[in-house]
Amino acid sequence: MAESLAPECTPLKKEYDSCFNAWFEGYLEPAVSASSSPQKYSEYSQRKAEEFEQKCGKIWKDYQGCVYKALKEKGLDTMVQQSREENPLSQPPSLP
């Protein structure tokens, strides 16, 4: 796993990466079988979102806060905001 933008955030990044990877591993395989009906898939996705929030949500928020703090300290926060305003990601890019 890669290092974080700021060295002080790397332990949180590694903890989050581990949590996410463990959660995602348990998400993928059952998601395929749940996709047989839209309702099943929707219910499954909702349960997994709640599980993610419960298991990894706090770690993610802590890591995100650390990165935002580092961006601000490095003076990059205004550049990030400007980039978001110039190129808003309001929806995922379409596949070719």
Protein backbone atom coordinates (compact mmCIF):
# COMPACT_ATOMS: atom_id res chain seq x y z
CA MET A 1 0.00 0.00 0.00
CA ALA A 2 1.20 3.47 -0.84
CA GLU A 3 2.19 6.16 1.61
CA SER A 4 -0.17 9.00 2.36
CA LEU A 5 0.22 12.57 1.11
CA ALA A 6 1.49 13.48 4.58
CA PRO A 7 3.71 11.11 6.58
CA GLU A 8 1.70 11.74 9.75
CA CYS A 9 -1.40 10.39 7.95
CA THR A 10 0.22 7.15 6.75
CA PRO A 11 -0.72 5.04 9.82
CA LEU A 12 -4.37 6.10 9.41
CA LYS A 13 -4.20 5.39 5.67
CA LYS A 14 -2.85 1.90 6.26
CA GLU A 15 -5.51 1.22 8.89
CA TYR A 16 -8.24 2.46 6.53
CA ASP A 17 -6.85 0.50 3.57
CA SER A 18 -6.89 -2.71 5.62
CA CYS A 19 -10.41 -2.08 6.84
CA PHE A 20 -11.69 -1.22 3.36
CA ASN A 21 -10.01 -4.20 1.71
CA ALA A 22 -11.48 -6.61 4.27
CA TRP A 23 -14.93 -5.07 3.84
CA PHE A 24 -14.69 -5.00 0.03
CA GLU A 25 -13.62 -8.64 -0.13
CA GLY A 26 -16.84 -9.57 1.66
CA TYR A 27 -18.84 -7.29 -0.62
CA LEU A 28 -17.82 -8.53 -4.06
CA GLU A 29 -18.77 -12.17 -4.22
CA PRO A 30 -22.24 -11.92 -2.61
CA ALA A 31 -22.97 -8.81 -4.69
CA VAL A 32 -22.89 -10.93 -7.84
CA SER A 33 -25.54 -13.32 -6.54
CA ALA A 34 -27.62 -10.45 -5.10
CA SER A 35 -27.69 -8.80 -8.52
CA SER A 36 -30.28 -11.32 -9.73
CA SER A 37 -33.05 -8.90 -8.74
CA PRO A 38 -32.93 -5.11 -8.35
CA GLN A 39 -34.67 -5.24 -4.97
CA LYS A 40 -32.26 -7.86 -3.59
CA TYR A 41 -29.31 -5.86 -4.85
CA SER A 42 -30.65 -2.64 -3.34
CA GLU A 43 -31.24 -4.28 0.04
CA TYR A 44 -27.82 -5.93 -0.06
CA SER A 45 -26.12 -2.66 -0.98
CA GLN A 46 -27.86 -0.83 1.85
CA ARG A 47 -26.77 -3.47 4.39
CA LYS A 48 -23.20 -3.36 3.13
CA ALA A 49 -23.14 0.46 3.26
CA GLU A 50 -24.26 0.32 6.89
CA GLU A 51 -21.64 -2.34 7.62
CA PHE A 52 -18.94 -0.21 6.00
CA GLU A 53 -19.95 2.82 8.04
CA GLN A 54 -19.94 0.78 11.23
CA LYS A 55 -16.57 -0.91 10.59
CA CYS A 56 -14.59 1.68 8.64
CA GLY A 57 -16.49 4.97 8.86
CA LYS A 58 -14.61 6.45 11.82
CA ILE A 59 -11.24 5.40 10.44
CA TRP A 60 -12.13 7.01 7.10
CA LYS A 61 -13.21 10.26 8.76
CA ASP A 62 -10.03 10.37 10.85
CA TYR A 63 -7.85 9.76 7.79
CA GLN A 64 -9.78 12.28 5.70
CA GLY A 65 -9.41 14.89 8.46
CA CYS A 66 -5.67 14.27 8.62
CA VAL A 67 -5.31 14.69 4.84
CA TYR A 68 -7.43 17.87 4.80
CA LYS A 69 -5.27 19.31 7.59
CA ALA A 70 -2.11 18.45 5.63
CA LEU A 71 -3.53 20.03 2.47
CA LYS A 72 -4.25 23.22 4.37
CA GLU A 73 -0.79 23.28 6.00
CA LYS A 74 0.84 22.84 2.58
CA GLY A 75 -1.35 25.57 1.06
CA LEU A 76 -2.97 23.13 -1.35
CA ASP A 77 -6.54 23.44 -0.04
CA THR A 78 -7.32 26.49 -2.20
CA MET A 79 -5.98 24.73 -5.30
CA VAL A 80 -8.17 21.69 -4.57
CA GLN A 81 -11.22 23.92 -4.10
CA GLN A 82 -10.47 25.83 -7.30
CA SER A 83 -10.10 22.57 -9.21
CA ARG A 84 -13.44 21.32 -7.87
CA GLU A 85 -15.12 24.53 -8.98
CA GLU A 86 -13.56 24.43 -12.45
CA ASN A 87 -14.22 20.72 -13.00
CA PRO A 88 -17.02 19.56 -10.71
CA LEU A 89 -17.48 15.81 -10.52
CA SER A 90 -21.25 15.76 -10.28
CA GLN A 91 -21.51 12.25 -11.68
CA PRO A 92 -19.07 9.46 -12.51
CA PRO A 93 -17.52 9.66 -15.97
CA SER A 94 -19.25 7.51 -18.54
CA LEU A 95 -17.48 4.42 -19.80
CA PRO A 96 -16.22 4.43 -23.40
